[in-house]
């Protein structure tokens, strides 16, 4: 019976560690998505600025 409890405790410990690992991966993916979104917004902003600058130089 004691051996069975050791096995159950070992499985529970491993499942807790696995859940923490999965949560860490999910947080990493969220941060990666935020970074990609920021980079896309920055690129779009730069394109808008270039288009605006080109438009204003033509109007002069």
PDB file of N, CA and C in Angstrom:
ATOM      1  N   UNK A   1       0.836  -1.204   0.000  1.00  0.00           N
ATOM      2  CA  UNK A   1       0.000   0.000   0.000  1.00  0.00           C
ATOM      3  C   UNK A   1       0.869   1.252   0.000  1.00  0.00           C
ATOM      4  N   UNK A   2       1.960   1.207   0.732  1.00  0.00           N
ATOM      5  CA  UNK A   2       2.859   2.356   0.804  1.00  0.00           C
ATOM      6  C   UNK A   2       3.505   2.621  -0.560  1.00  0.00           C
ATOM      7  N   UNK A   3       3.811   1.548  -1.274  1.00  0.00           N
ATOM      8  CA  UNK A   3       4.413   1.680  -2.605  1.00  0.00           C
ATOM      9  C   UNK A   3       3.430   2.353  -3.562  1.00  0.00           C
ATOM     10  N   UNK A   4       2.158   1.998  -3.442  1.00  0.00           N
ATOM     11  CA  UNK A   4       1.125   2.594  -4.287  1.00  0.00           C
ATOM     12  C   UNK A   4       1.012   4.093  -4.003  1.00  0.00           C
ATOM     13  N   UNK A   5       1.072   4.477  -2.741  1.00  0.00           N
ATOM     14  CA  UNK A   5       0.994   5.894  -2.382  1.00  0.00           C
ATOM     15  C   UNK A   5       2.198   6.655  -2.935  1.00  0.00           C
ATOM     16  N   UNK A   6       3.371   6.030  -2.915  1.00  0.00           N
ATOM     17  CA  UNK A   6       4.558   6.667  -3.488  1.00  0.00           C
ATOM     18  C   UNK A   6       4.381   6.908  -4.984  1.00  0.00           C
ATOM     19  N   UNK A   7       3.822   5.928  -5.660  1.00  0.00           N
ATOM     20  CA  UNK A   7       3.578   6.063  -7.099  1.00  0.00           C
ATOM     21  C   UNK A   7       2.567   7.176  -7.364  1.00  0.00           C
ATOM     22  N   UNK A   8       1.486   7.220  -6.596  1.00  0.00           N
ATOM     23  CA  UNK A   8       0.458   8.256  -6.760  1.00  0.00           C
ATOM     24  C   UNK A   8       1.056   9.633  -6.492  1.00  0.00           C
ATOM     25  N   UNK A   9       1.824   9.771  -5.425  1.00  0.00           N
ATOM     26  CA  UNK A   9       2.457  11.055  -5.108  1.00  0.00           C
ATOM     27  C   UNK A   9       3.420  11.491  -6.213  1.00  0.00           C
ATOM     28  N   UNK A  10       4.160  10.535  -6.757  1.00  0.00           N
ATOM     29  CA  UNK A  10       5.093  10.832  -7.847  1.00  0.00           C
ATOM     30  C   UNK A  10       4.337  11.330  -9.083  1.00  0.00           C
ATOM     31  N   UNK A  11       3.241  10.674  -9.410  1.00  0.00           N
ATOM     32  CA  UNK A  11       2.429  11.088 -10.558  1.00  0.00           C
ATOM     33  C   UNK A  11       1.842  12.475 -10.332  1.00  0.00           C
ATOM     34  N   UNK A  12       1.365  12.733  -9.130  1.00  0.00           N
ATOM     35  CA  UNK A  12       0.784  14.044  -8.832  1.00  0.00           C
ATOM     36  C   UNK A  12       1.845  15.139  -8.937  1.00  0.00           C
ATOM     37  N   UNK A  13       3.044  14.882  -8.436  1.00  0.00           N
ATOM     38  CA  UNK A  13       4.130  15.853  -8.523  1.00  0.00           C
ATOM     39  C   UNK A  13       4.494  16.132  -9.975  1.00  0.00           C
ATOM     40  N   UNK A  14       4.594  15.076 -10.770  1.00  0.00           N
ATOM     41  CA  UNK A  14       4.930  15.247 -12.186  1.00  0.00           C
ATOM     42  C   UNK A  14       3.832  16.001 -12.923  1.00  0.00           C
ATOM     43  N   UNK A  15       2.571  15.761 -12.590  1.00  0.00           N
ATOM     44  CA  UNK A  15       1.490  16.471 -13.273  1.00  0.00           C
ATOM     45  C   UNK A  15       1.496  17.955 -12.898  1.00  0.00           C
ATOM     46  N   UNK A  16       1.839  18.270 -11.635  1.00  0.00           N
ATOM     47  CA  UNK A  16       1.940  19.682 -11.234  1.00  0.00           C
ATOM     48  C   UNK A  16       3.064  20.374 -11.995  1.00  0.00           C
ATOM     49  N   UNK A  17       4.208  19.696 -12.110  1.00  0.00           N
ATOM     50  CA  UNK A  17       5.332  20.273 -12.847  1.00  0.00           C
ATOM     51  C   UNK A  17       4.979  20.450 -14.319  1.00  0.00           C
ATOM     52  N   UNK A  18       4.273  19.488 -14.881  1.00  0.00           N
ATOM     53  CA  UNK A  18       3.865  19.580 -16.282  1.00  0.00           C
ATOM     54  C   UNK A  18       2.895  20.747 -16.483  1.00  0.00           C
ATOM     55  N   UNK A  19       1.966  20.934 -15.545  1.00  0.00           N
ATOM     56  CA  UNK A  19       1.021  22.052 -15.645  1.00  0.00           C
ATOM     57  C   UNK A  19       1.757  23.393 -15.577  1.00  0.00           C
ATOM     58  N   UNK A  20       2.764  23.495 -14.722  1.00  0.00           N
ATOM     59  CA  UNK A  20       3.553  24.734 -14.633  1.00  0.00           C
ATOM     60  C   UNK A  20       4.337  24.966 -15.914  1.00  0.00           C
ATOM     61  N   UNK A  21       4.861  23.906 -16.486  1.00  0.00           N
ATOM     62  CA  UNK A  21       5.607  24.008 -17.741  1.00  0.00           C
ATOM     63  C   UNK A  21       4.694  24.477 -18.867  1.00  0.00           C
ATOM     64  N   UNK A  22       3.502  23.896 -18.952  1.00  0.00           N
ATOM     65  CA  UNK A  22       2.534  24.292 -19.990  1.00  0.00           C
ATOM     66  C   UNK A  22       2.112  25.745 -19.793  1.00  0.00           C
ATOM     67  N   UNK A  23       1.887  26.151 -18.556  1.00  0.00           N
ATOM     68  CA  UNK A  23       1.517  27.546 -18.281  1.00  0.00           C
ATOM     69  C   UNK A  23       2.643  28.482 -18.704  1.00  0.00           C
ATOM     70  N   UNK A  24       3.881  28.083 -18.473  1.00  0.00           N
ATOM     71  CA  UNK A  24       5.025  28.894 -18.893  1.00  0.00           C
ATOM     72  C   UNK A  24       5.084  29.037 -20.402  1.00  0.00           C
ATOM     73  N   UNK A  25       4.812  27.963 -21.118  1.00  0.00           N
ATOM     74  CA  UNK A  25       4.799  28.020 -22.586  1.00  0.00           C
ATOM     75  C   UNK A  25       3.682  28.937 -23.062  1.00  0.00           C
ATOM     76  N   UNK A  26       2.517  28.863 -22.442  1.00  0.00           N
ATOM     77  CA  UNK A  26       1.398  29.725 -22.834  1.00  0.00           C
ATOM     78  C   UNK A  26       1.742  31.197 -22.623  1.00  0.00           C
ATOM     79  N   UNK A  27       2.384  31.521 -21.503  1.00  0.00           N
ATOM     80  CA  UNK A  27       2.790  32.908 -21.245  1.00  0.00           C
ATOM     81  C   UNK A  27       3.810  33.352 -22.289  1.00  0.00           C
ATOM     82  N   UNK A  28       4.758  32.483 -22.614  1.00  0.00           N
ATOM     83  CA  UNK A  28       5.761  32.812 -23.622  1.00  0.00           C
ATOM     84  C   UNK A  28       5.102  33.095 -24.973  1.00  0.00           C
ATOM     85  N   UNK A  29       4.138  32.276 -25.356  1.00  0.00           N
ATOM     86  CA  UNK A  29       3.454  32.474 -26.636  1.00  0.00           C
ATOM     87  C   UNK A  29       2.657  33.774 -26.643  1.00  0.00           C
ATOM     88  N   UNK A  30       2.050  34.121 -25.522  1.00  0.00           N
ATOM     89  CA  UNK A  30       1.309  35.387 -25.432  1.00  0.00           C
ATOM     90  C   UNK A  30       2.270  36.559 -25.593  1.00  0.00           C
ATOM     91  N   UNK A  31       3.414  36.498 -24.908  1.00  0.00           N
ATOM     92  CA  UNK A  31       4.396  37.577 -25.017  1.00  0.00           C
ATOM     93  C   UNK A  31       4.957  37.667 -26.426  1.00  0.00           C
ATOM     94  N   UNK A  32       5.158  36.524 -27.068  1.00  0.00           N
ATOM     95  CA  UNK A  32       5.645  36.505 -28.436  1.00  0.00           C
ATOM     96  C   UNK A  32       4.628  37.132 -29.379  1.00  0.00           C
ATOM     97  N   UNK A  33       3.357  36.842 -29.156  1.00  0.00           N
ATOM     98  CA  UNK A  33       2.292  37.422 -29.974  1.00  0.00           C
ATOM     99  C   UNK A  33       2.230  38.934 -29.786  1.00  0.00           C
ATOM    100  N   UNK A  34       2.402  39.403 -28.554  1.00  0.00           N
ATOM    101  CA  UNK A  34       2.403  40.848 -28.282  1.00  0.00           C
ATOM    102  C   UNK A  34       3.577  41.502 -29.004  1.00  0.00           C
ATOM    103  N   UNK A  35       4.742  40.862 -28.960  1.00  0.00           N
ATOM    104  CA  UNK A  35       5.931  41.407 -29.622  1.00  0.00           C
ATOM    105  C   UNK A  35       5.698  41.491 -31.130  1.00  0.00           C
ATOM    106  N   UNK A  36       5.143  40.433 -31.725  1.00  0.00           N
ATOM    107  CA  UNK A  36       4.873  40.431 -33.163  1.00  0.00           C
ATOM    108  C   UNK A  36       3.881  41.528 -33.529  1.00  0.00           C
ATOM    109  N   UNK A  37       2.871  41.720 -32.695  1.00  0.00           N
ATOM    110  CA  UNK A  37       1.870  42.759 -32.946  1.00  0.00           C
ATOM    111  C   UNK A  37       2.516  44.139 -32.888  1.00  0.00           C
ATOM    112  N   UNK A  38       3.393  44.355 -31.902  1.00  0.00           N
ATOM    113  CA  UNK A  38       4.100  45.635 -31.790  1.00  0.00           C
ATOM    114  C   UNK A  38       4.965  45.894 -33.016  1.00  0.00           C
ATOM    115  N   UNK A  39       5.672  44.856 -33.467  1.00  0.00           N
ATOM    116  CA  UNK A  39       6.538  45.020 -34.637  1.00  0.00           C
ATOM    117  C   UNK A  39       5.702  45.326 -35.878  1.00  0.00           C
ATOM    118  N   UNK A  40       4.562  44.663 -36.022  1.00  0.00           N
ATOM    119  CA  UNK A  40       3.686  44.926 -37.170  1.00  0.00           C
ATOM    120  C   UNK A  40       3.141  46.346 -37.112  1.00  0.00           C
ATOM    121  N   UNK A  41       2.746  46.796 -35.928  1.00  0.00           N
ATOM    122  CA  UNK A  41       2.242  48.165 -35.786  1.00  0.00           C
ATOM    123  C   UNK A  41       3.329  49.188 -36.100  1.00  0.00           C
ATOM    124  N   UNK A  42       4.555  48.923 -35.652  1.00  0.00           N
ATOM    125  CA  UNK A  42       5.663  49.835 -35.934  1.00  0.00           C
ATOM    126  C   UNK A  42       5.937  49.910 -37.437  1.00  0.00           C
ATOM    127  N   UNK A  43       5.920  48.771 -38.105  1.00  0.00           N
ATOM    128  CA  UNK A  43       6.152  48.750 -39.555  1.00  0.00           C
ATOM    129  C   UNK A  43       5.051  49.507 -40.280  1.00  0.00           C
ATOM    130  N   UNK A  44       3.813  49.318 -39.851  1.00  0.00           N
ATOM    131  CA  UNK A  44       2.681  50.015 -40.472  1.00  0.00           C
ATOM    132  C   UNK A  44       2.797  51.519 -40.241  1.00  0.00           C
ATOM    133  N   UNK A  45       3.237  51.907 -39.055  1.00  0.00           N
ATOM    134  CA  UNK A  45       3.413  53.321 -38.732  1.00  0.00           C
ATOM    135  C   UNK A  45       4.501  53.943 -39.601  1.00  0.00           C
ATOM    136  N   UNK A  46       5.604  53.209 -39.794  1.00  0.00           N
ATOM    137  CA  UNK A  46       6.683  53.709 -40.639  1.00  0.00           C
ATOM    138  C   UNK A  46       6.210  53.879 -42.081  1.00  0.00           C
ATOM    139  N   UNK A  47       5.427  52.929 -42.583  1.00  0.00           N
ATOM    140  CA  UNK A  47       4.904  53.039 -43.947  1.00  0.00           C
ATOM    141  C   UNK A  47       3.978  54.231 -44.072  1.00  0.00           C
ATOM    142  N   UNK A  48       3.144  54.459 -43.081  1.00  0.00           N
ATOM    143  CA  UNK A  48       2.238  55.604 -43.098  1.00  0.00           C
ATOM    144  C   UNK A  48       3.027  56.906 -43.093  1.00  0.00           C
ATOM    145  N   UNK A  49       4.076  56.947 -42.281  1.00  0.00           N
ATOM    146  CA  UNK A  49       4.902  58.161 -42.205  1.00  0.00           C
ATOM    147  C   UNK A  49       5.589  58.426 -43.545  1.00  0.00           C
ATOM    148  N   UNK A  50       6.089  57.370 -44.189  1.00  0.00           N
ATOM    149  CA  UNK A  50       6.742  57.534 -45.485  1.00  0.00           C
ATOM    150  C   UNK A  50       5.745  58.019 -46.535  1.00  0.00           C
ATOM    151  N   UNK A  51       4.542  57.443 -46.517  1.00  0.00           N
ATOM    152  CA  UNK A  51       3.516  57.855 -47.477  1.00  0.00           C
ATOM    153  C   UNK A  51       3.115  59.303 -47.239  1.00  0.00           C
ATOM    154  N   UNK A  52       2.989  59.695 -45.995  1.00  0.00           N
ATOM    155  CA  UNK A  52       2.626  61.072 -45.659  1.00  0.00           C
ATOM    156  C   UNK A  52       3.724  62.031 -46.118  1.00  0.00           C
ATOM    157  N   UNK A  53       4.977  61.656 -45.842  1.00  0.00           N
ATOM    158  CA  UNK A  53       6.105  62.499 -46.238  1.00  0.00           C
ATOM    159  C   UNK A  53       6.171  62.625 -47.755  1.00  0.00           C
ATOM    160  N   UNK A  54       5.968  61.530 -48.456  1.00  0.00           N
ATOM    161  CA  UNK A  54       5.988  61.567 -49.919  1.00  0.00           C
ATOM    162  C   UNK A  54       4.839  62.430 -50.441  1.00  0.00           C
ATOM    163  N   UNK A  55       3.690  62.341 -49.828  1.00  0.00           N
ATOM    164  CA  UNK A  55       2.534  63.135 -50.252  1.00  0.00           C
ATOM    165  C   UNK A  55       2.743  64.617 -50.007  1.00  0.00           C
ATOM    166  N   UNK A  56       3.324  64.970 -48.887  1.00  0.00           N
ATOM    167  CA  UNK A  56       3.514  66.393 -48.580  1.00  0.00           C
ATOM    168  C   UNK A  56       4.619  66.994 -49.444  1.00  0.00           C
ATOM    169  N   UNK A  57       5.632  66.211 -49.796  1.00  0.00           N
ATOM    170  CA  UNK A  57       6.701  66.756 -50.634  1.00  0.00           C
ATOM    171  C   UNK A  57       6.196  66.977 -52.069  1.00  0.00           C
ATOM    172  N   UNK A  58       5.229  66.170 -52.499  1.00  0.00           N
ATOM    173  CA  UNK A  58       4.650  66.350 -53.830  1.00  0.00           C
ATOM    174  C   UNK A  58       3.757  67.583 -53.891  1.00  0.00           C
ATOM    175  N   UNK A  59       3.124  67.899 -52.784  1.00  0.00           N
ATOM    176  CA  UNK A  59       2.182  69.013 -52.754  1.00  0.00           C
ATOM    177  C   UNK A  59       2.870  70.367 -52.730  1.00  0.00           C
ATOM    178  N   UNK A  60       4.145  70.408 -52.444  1.00  0.00           N
ATOM    179  CA  UNK A  60       4.859  71.698 -52.332  1.00  0.00           C
ATOM    180  C   UNK A  60       5.137  72.299 -53.673  1.00  0.00           C
TER     181      UNK A  60
END
